[in-house]
C-alpha atoms as a PDB file:
ATOM      1  CA  MET A   1      18.060 -31.681 -23.207  1.00  0.00           C
ATOM      2  CA  SER A   2      22.017 -30.485 -23.407  1.00  0.00           C
ATOM      3  CA  THR A   3      23.242 -27.142 -22.997  1.00  0.00           C
ATOM      4  CA  GLU A   4      23.702 -26.607 -26.918  1.00  0.00           C
ATOM      5  CA  ASP A   5      19.727 -26.961 -27.293  1.00  0.00           C
ATOM      6  CA  SER A   6      18.460 -24.788 -24.382  1.00  0.00           C
ATOM      7  CA  PRO A   7      17.607 -21.389 -25.688  1.00  0.00           C
ATOM      8  CA  GLN A   8      20.421 -18.653 -24.874  1.00  0.00           C
ATOM      9  CA  GLU A   9      19.419 -16.144 -22.441  1.00  0.00           C
ATOM     10  CA  PRO A  10      19.577 -13.000 -23.819  1.00  0.00           C
ATOM     11  CA  ALA A  11      22.260 -10.738 -23.083  1.00  0.00           C
ATOM     12  CA  GLU A  12      20.348  -7.696 -21.512  1.00  0.00           C
ATOM     13  CA  HIS A  13      19.183 -10.233 -19.143  1.00  0.00           C
ATOM     14  CA  ALA A  14      22.466 -11.613 -18.232  1.00  0.00           C
ATOM     15  CA  ARG A  15      23.760  -7.892 -17.470  1.00  0.00           C
ATOM     16  CA  PHE A  16      20.680  -7.271 -15.193  1.00  0.00           C
ATOM     17  CA  ALA A  17      21.543 -10.185 -12.990  1.00  0.00           C
ATOM     18  CA  ALA A  18      25.187  -9.186 -12.673  1.00  0.00           C
ATOM     19  CA  TYR A  19      24.446  -5.640 -12.584  1.00  0.00           C
ATOM     20  CA  LEU A  20      22.338  -6.455  -9.225  1.00  0.00           C
ATOM     21  CA  VAL A  21      24.620  -8.704  -8.078  1.00  0.00           C
ATOM     22  CA  GLU A  22      27.376  -5.840  -7.885  1.00  0.00           C
ATOM     23  CA  LEU A  23      25.248  -3.604  -6.425  1.00  0.00           C
ATOM     24  CA  GLU A  24      24.187  -5.317  -3.538  1.00  0.00           C
ATOM     25  CA  GLN A  25      28.299  -5.993  -3.036  1.00  0.00           C
ATOM     26  CA  VAL A  26      29.217  -2.882  -3.768  1.00  0.00           C
ATOM     27  CA  ALA A  27      30.998  -1.087  -1.356  1.00  0.00           C
ATOM     28  CA  ASP A  28      29.721   2.570   0.444  1.00  0.00           C
ATOM     29  CA  ALA A  29      33.054   4.651  -1.225  1.00  0.00           C
ATOM     30  CA  ASP A  30      32.032   2.773  -4.418  1.00  0.00           C
ATOM     31  CA  GLU A  31      28.524   3.034  -4.718  1.00  0.00           C
ATOM     32  CA  MET A  32      28.064   5.972  -7.219  1.00  0.00           C
ATOM     33  CA  GLU A  33      30.442   5.146  -9.178  1.00  0.00           C
ATOM     34  CA  LEU A  34      29.150   1.647  -9.964  1.00  0.00           C
ATOM     35  CA  VAL A  35      25.329   3.351 -10.276  1.00  0.00           C
ATOM     36  CA  GLY A  36      26.575   5.654 -12.683  1.00  0.00           C
ATOM     37  CA  ALA A  37      28.488   2.719 -15.156  1.00  0.00           C
ATOM     38  CA  VAL A  38      24.970   0.720 -14.619  1.00  0.00           C
ATOM     39  CA  LEU A  39      23.644   4.056 -15.966  1.00  0.00           C
ATOM     40  CA  VAL A  40      25.397   3.849 -19.141  1.00  0.00           C
ATOM     41  CA  ASP A  41      24.408   0.831 -20.379  1.00  0.00           C
ATOM     42  CA  PRO A  42      23.483   0.836 -24.149  1.00  0.00           C
ATOM     43  CA  ASP A  43      19.851  -0.485 -22.676  1.00  0.00           C
ATOM     44  CA  ARG A  44      18.467   2.487 -20.606  1.00  0.00           C
ATOM     45  CA  VAL A  45      15.419   0.427 -19.817  1.00  0.00           C
ATOM     46  CA  MET A  46      17.313  -2.610 -17.853  1.00  0.00           C
ATOM     47  CA  ALA A  47      19.900  -0.096 -16.691  1.00  0.00           C
ATOM     48  CA  GLU A  48      17.529   1.876 -14.902  1.00  0.00           C
ATOM     49  CA  ALA A  49      15.433  -1.353 -13.437  1.00  0.00           C
ATOM     50  CA  ALA A  50      18.463  -2.287 -11.787  1.00  0.00           C
ATOM     51  CA  VAL A  51      19.057   1.202 -10.935  1.00  0.00           C
ATOM     52  CA  VAL A  52      15.765   1.422  -8.877  1.00  0.00           C
ATOM     53  CA  ARG A  53      16.035  -2.198  -7.491  1.00  0.00           C
ATOM     54  CA  HIS A  54      19.451  -0.832  -5.967  1.00  0.00           C
ATOM     55  CA  ILE A  55      17.635   2.477  -4.901  1.00  0.00           C
ATOM     56  CA  ASP A  56      14.494   0.406  -3.390  1.00  0.00           C
ATOM     57  CA  ARG A  57      16.899  -1.815  -1.431  1.00  0.00           C
ATOM     58  CA  ARG A  58      19.251   1.037  -0.162  1.00  0.00           C
ATOM     59  CA  ALA A  59      16.614   2.837   0.749  1.00  0.00           C
ATOM     60  CA  ALA A  60      14.430   0.756   2.223  1.00  0.00           C
ATOM     61  CA  GLN A  61      17.710   0.590   5.076  1.00  0.00           C
ATOM     62  CA  LEU A  62      19.021   4.183   5.327  1.00  0.00           C
ATOM     63  CA  TRP A  63      15.235   5.929   5.509  1.00  0.00           C
ATOM     64  CA  PRO A  64      15.279   6.143   9.310  1.00  0.00           C
ATOM     65  CA  GLU A  65      19.107   6.824   9.937  1.00  0.00           C
ATOM     66  CA  PRO A  66      21.185   9.952   9.893  1.00  0.00           C
ATOM     67  CA  ALA A  67      23.263   9.025   6.417  1.00  0.00           C
ATOM     68  CA  TRP A  68      20.232   9.118   4.719  1.00  0.00           C
ATOM     69  CA  GLU A  69      20.322  12.605   3.756  1.00  0.00           C
ATOM     70  CA  GLU A  70      23.670  12.607   2.139  1.00  0.00           C
ATOM     71  CA  TRP A  71      23.128   9.367   0.532  1.00  0.00           C
ATOM     72  CA  ALA A  72      19.967  10.652  -1.069  1.00  0.00           C
ATOM     73  CA  ALA A  73      22.162  13.833  -2.152  1.00  0.00           C
ATOM     74  CA  ALA A  74      24.472  11.519  -4.042  1.00  0.00           C
ATOM     75  CA  VAL A  75      22.025   9.454  -5.856  1.00  0.00           C
ATOM     76  CA  GLY A  76      20.167  12.107  -7.018  1.00  0.00           C
ATOM     77  CA  ARG A  77      23.025  13.688  -8.660  1.00  0.00           C
ATOM     78  CA  VAL A  78      24.310  10.502 -10.608  1.00  0.00           C
ATOM     79  CA  VAL A  79      20.416   9.924 -11.524  1.00  0.00           C
ATOM     80  CA  THR A  80      19.287  13.667 -11.946  1.00  0.00           C
ATOM     81  CA  ARG A  81      19.116  12.888 -16.102  1.00  0.00           C
ATOM     82  CA  ARG A  82      16.576   9.899 -15.303  1.00  0.00           C
ATOM     83  CA  PRO A  83      12.852  11.279 -14.711  1.00  0.00           C
ATOM     84  CA  PHE A  84      11.427   7.780 -13.150  1.00  0.00           C
ATOM     85  CA  LEU A  85      14.841   7.187 -11.017  1.00  0.00           C
ATOM     86  CA  VAL A  86      14.611  10.973  -9.632  1.00  0.00           C
ATOM     87  CA  ARG A  87      10.403  10.488  -9.158  1.00  0.00           C
ATOM     88  CA  ARG A  88      11.583   7.245  -7.175  1.00  0.00           C
ATOM     89  CA  LEU A  89      13.864   8.955  -4.610  1.00  0.00           C
ATOM     90  CA  HIS A  90      11.438  11.739  -4.428  1.00  0.00           C
ATOM     91  CA  GLU A  91       9.112   9.589  -3.347  1.00  0.00           C
ATOM     92  CA  TRP A  92      11.183   7.273  -0.709  1.00  0.00           C
ATOM     93  CA  SER A  93      12.017  11.063   0.891  1.00  0.00           C
ATOM     94  CA  LEU A  94       8.250  12.060   1.068  1.00  0.00           C
ATOM     95  CA  PHE A  95       7.696   8.347   2.515  1.00  0.00           C
ATOM     96  CA  ARG A  96      10.757   9.371   4.832  1.00  0.00           C
ATOM     97  CA  ALA A  97       9.066  12.742   5.844  1.00  0.00           C
ATOM     98  CA  VAL A  98       5.643  10.936   6.687  1.00  0.00           C
ATOM     99  CA  SER A  99       7.337   8.304   8.425  1.00  0.00           C
ATOM    100  CA  LEU A 100       9.252  10.389  10.917  1.00  0.00           C
ATOM    101  CA  ARG A 101       6.581  12.855  11.030  1.00  0.00           C
ATOM    102  CA  LEU A 102       8.808  15.604   9.964  1.00  0.00           C
ATOM    103  CA  PRO A 103       7.243  17.988   7.068  1.00  0.00           C
ATOM    104  CA  TRP A 104       5.055  17.095   4.282  1.00  0.00           C
ATOM    105  CA  ARG A 105       2.686  18.146   2.365  1.00  0.00           C
ATOM    106  CA  SER A 106      -1.162  16.446   1.664  1.00  0.00           C
ATOM    107  CA  GLU A 107      -0.619  17.600  -2.381  1.00  0.00           C
ATOM    108  CA  ASP A 108       2.619  15.822  -2.474  1.00  0.00           C
ATOM    109  CA  LEU A 109       1.366  12.755  -1.510  1.00  0.00           C
ATOM    110  CA  LEU A 110      -1.376  13.002  -3.839  1.00  0.00           C
ATOM    111  CA  ALA A 111       0.661  13.234  -6.791  1.00  0.00           C
ATOM    112  CA  SER A 112       2.368  10.253  -5.870  1.00  0.00           C
ATOM    113  CA  SER A 113       2.941   7.038  -7.859  1.00  0.00           C
ATOM    114  CA  ASP A 114       0.238   4.240  -6.668  1.00  0.00           C
ATOM    115  CA  TRP A 115       3.601   2.697  -5.025  1.00  0.00           C
ATOM    116  CA  LEU A 116       3.962   5.181  -3.164  1.00  0.00           C
ATOM    117  CA  GLN A 117       0.660   6.052  -1.742  1.00  0.00           C
ATOM    118  CA  LEU A 118       0.052   2.158  -1.025  1.00  0.00           C
ATOM    119  CA  LYS A 119       3.160   1.889   0.922  1.00  0.00           C
ATOM    120  CA  THR A 120       2.304   5.046   3.113  1.00  0.00           C
ATOM    121  CA  ALA A 121      -1.392   3.503   3.415  1.00  0.00           C
ATOM    122  CA  ALA A 122       0.080   0.790   5.422  1.00  0.00           C
ATOM    123  CA  GLY A 123       1.960   2.429   7.781  1.00  0.00           C
ATOM    124  CA  PRO A 124       1.135   4.232  11.040  1.00  0.00           C
ATOM    125  CA  ASP A 125       0.951   7.851  10.022  1.00  0.00           C
ATOM    126  CA  PRO A 126      -2.864   9.569  11.218  1.00  0.00           C
ATOM    127  CA  ASP A 127      -2.485  12.115   8.684  1.00  0.00           C
ATOM    128  CA  ALA A 128      -1.389  10.186   5.923  1.00  0.00           C
ATOM    129  CA  LEU A 129      -3.692   7.767   6.533  1.00  0.00           C
ATOM    130  CA  ASP A 130      -6.523  10.243   6.848  1.00  0.00           C
ATOM    131  CA  VAL A 131      -5.730  11.927   3.456  1.00  0.00           C
ATOM    132  CA  LEU A 132      -5.185   8.621   1.656  1.00  0.00           C
ATOM    133  CA  ALA A 133      -8.689   6.926   3.133  1.00  0.00           C
ATOM    134  CA  GLY A 134     -10.152   9.807   1.541  1.00  0.00           C
ATOM    135  CA  SER A 135      -8.542  10.220  -1.243  1.00  0.00           C
ATOM    136  CA  GLY A 136      -6.041   8.191  -2.167  1.00  0.00           C
ATOM    137  CA  ARG A 137      -5.694   7.428  -6.181  1.00  0.00           C
ATOM    138  CA  THR A 138      -6.985   3.454  -5.829  1.00  0.00           C
ATOM    139  CA  LYS A 139      -9.811   1.796  -3.999  1.00  0.00           C
ATOM    140  CA  ARG A 140      -7.348  -0.451  -2.977  1.00  0.00           C
ATOM    141  CA  ILE A 141      -4.985   2.165  -1.734  1.00  0.00           C
ATOM    142  CA  ARG A 142      -8.144   4.202   0.091  1.00  0.00           C
ATOM    143  CA  ASN A 143      -9.274   0.703   1.714  1.00  0.00           C
ATOM    144  CA  VAL A 144      -5.581  -0.010   2.770  1.00  0.00           C
ATOM    145  CA  ALA A 145      -5.665   3.175   4.495  1.00  0.00           C
ATOM    146  CA  ARG A 146      -8.861   2.889   6.253  1.00  0.00           C
ATOM    147  CA  ALA A 147      -7.967  -0.076   7.633  1.00  0.00           C
ATOM    148  CA  SER A 148      -4.796   0.911   8.594  1.00  0.00           C
ATOM    149  CA  ARG A 149      -6.620   3.526  10.360  1.00  0.00           C
ATOM    150  CA  THR A 150      -9.482   1.117  11.863  1.00  0.00           C
ATOM    151  CA  ARG A 151      -6.239  -1.125  13.154  1.00  0.00           C
ATOM    152  CA  ARG A 152      -4.433   1.989  14.353  1.00  0.00           C
ATOM    153  CA  ASN A 153      -7.346   3.533  16.480  1.00  0.00           C
ATOM    154  CA  ALA A 154      -8.366   0.393  17.581  1.00  0.00           C
ATOM    155  CA  GLY A 155      -4.711  -0.346  18.953  1.00  0.00           C
END
């Protein structure tokens, strides 16, 4: 089949892929400007999907580091009018608090998304495991937390 016969990739798919590459390669000094530029794309859903992938990638790198605080505050200023992105950033902050044994509230963990509950249920914090084993949103989350708790107690 020639290129002329193949269906064209939708423009938003090409922009999404390009955004992911740009976000992965952006210098720290230019990161917030690029995130803001992506968020003005006319396809709001696609733009937010690209940015949440970026937030997840960067947060996974930065959460245990002192640089987290400044980075999270900067991202928070850029995504302030995007509820889904604000929530994801907040959940990464909660994950960080649980993982580093900083103060956190069980109500916040129980009100969090399945994504965060499942991520936390696989972790080592005994208090979080107890909360999720007993009251996690789904059976899967409760089971993962129980299994993590059992592994932790056996080790």
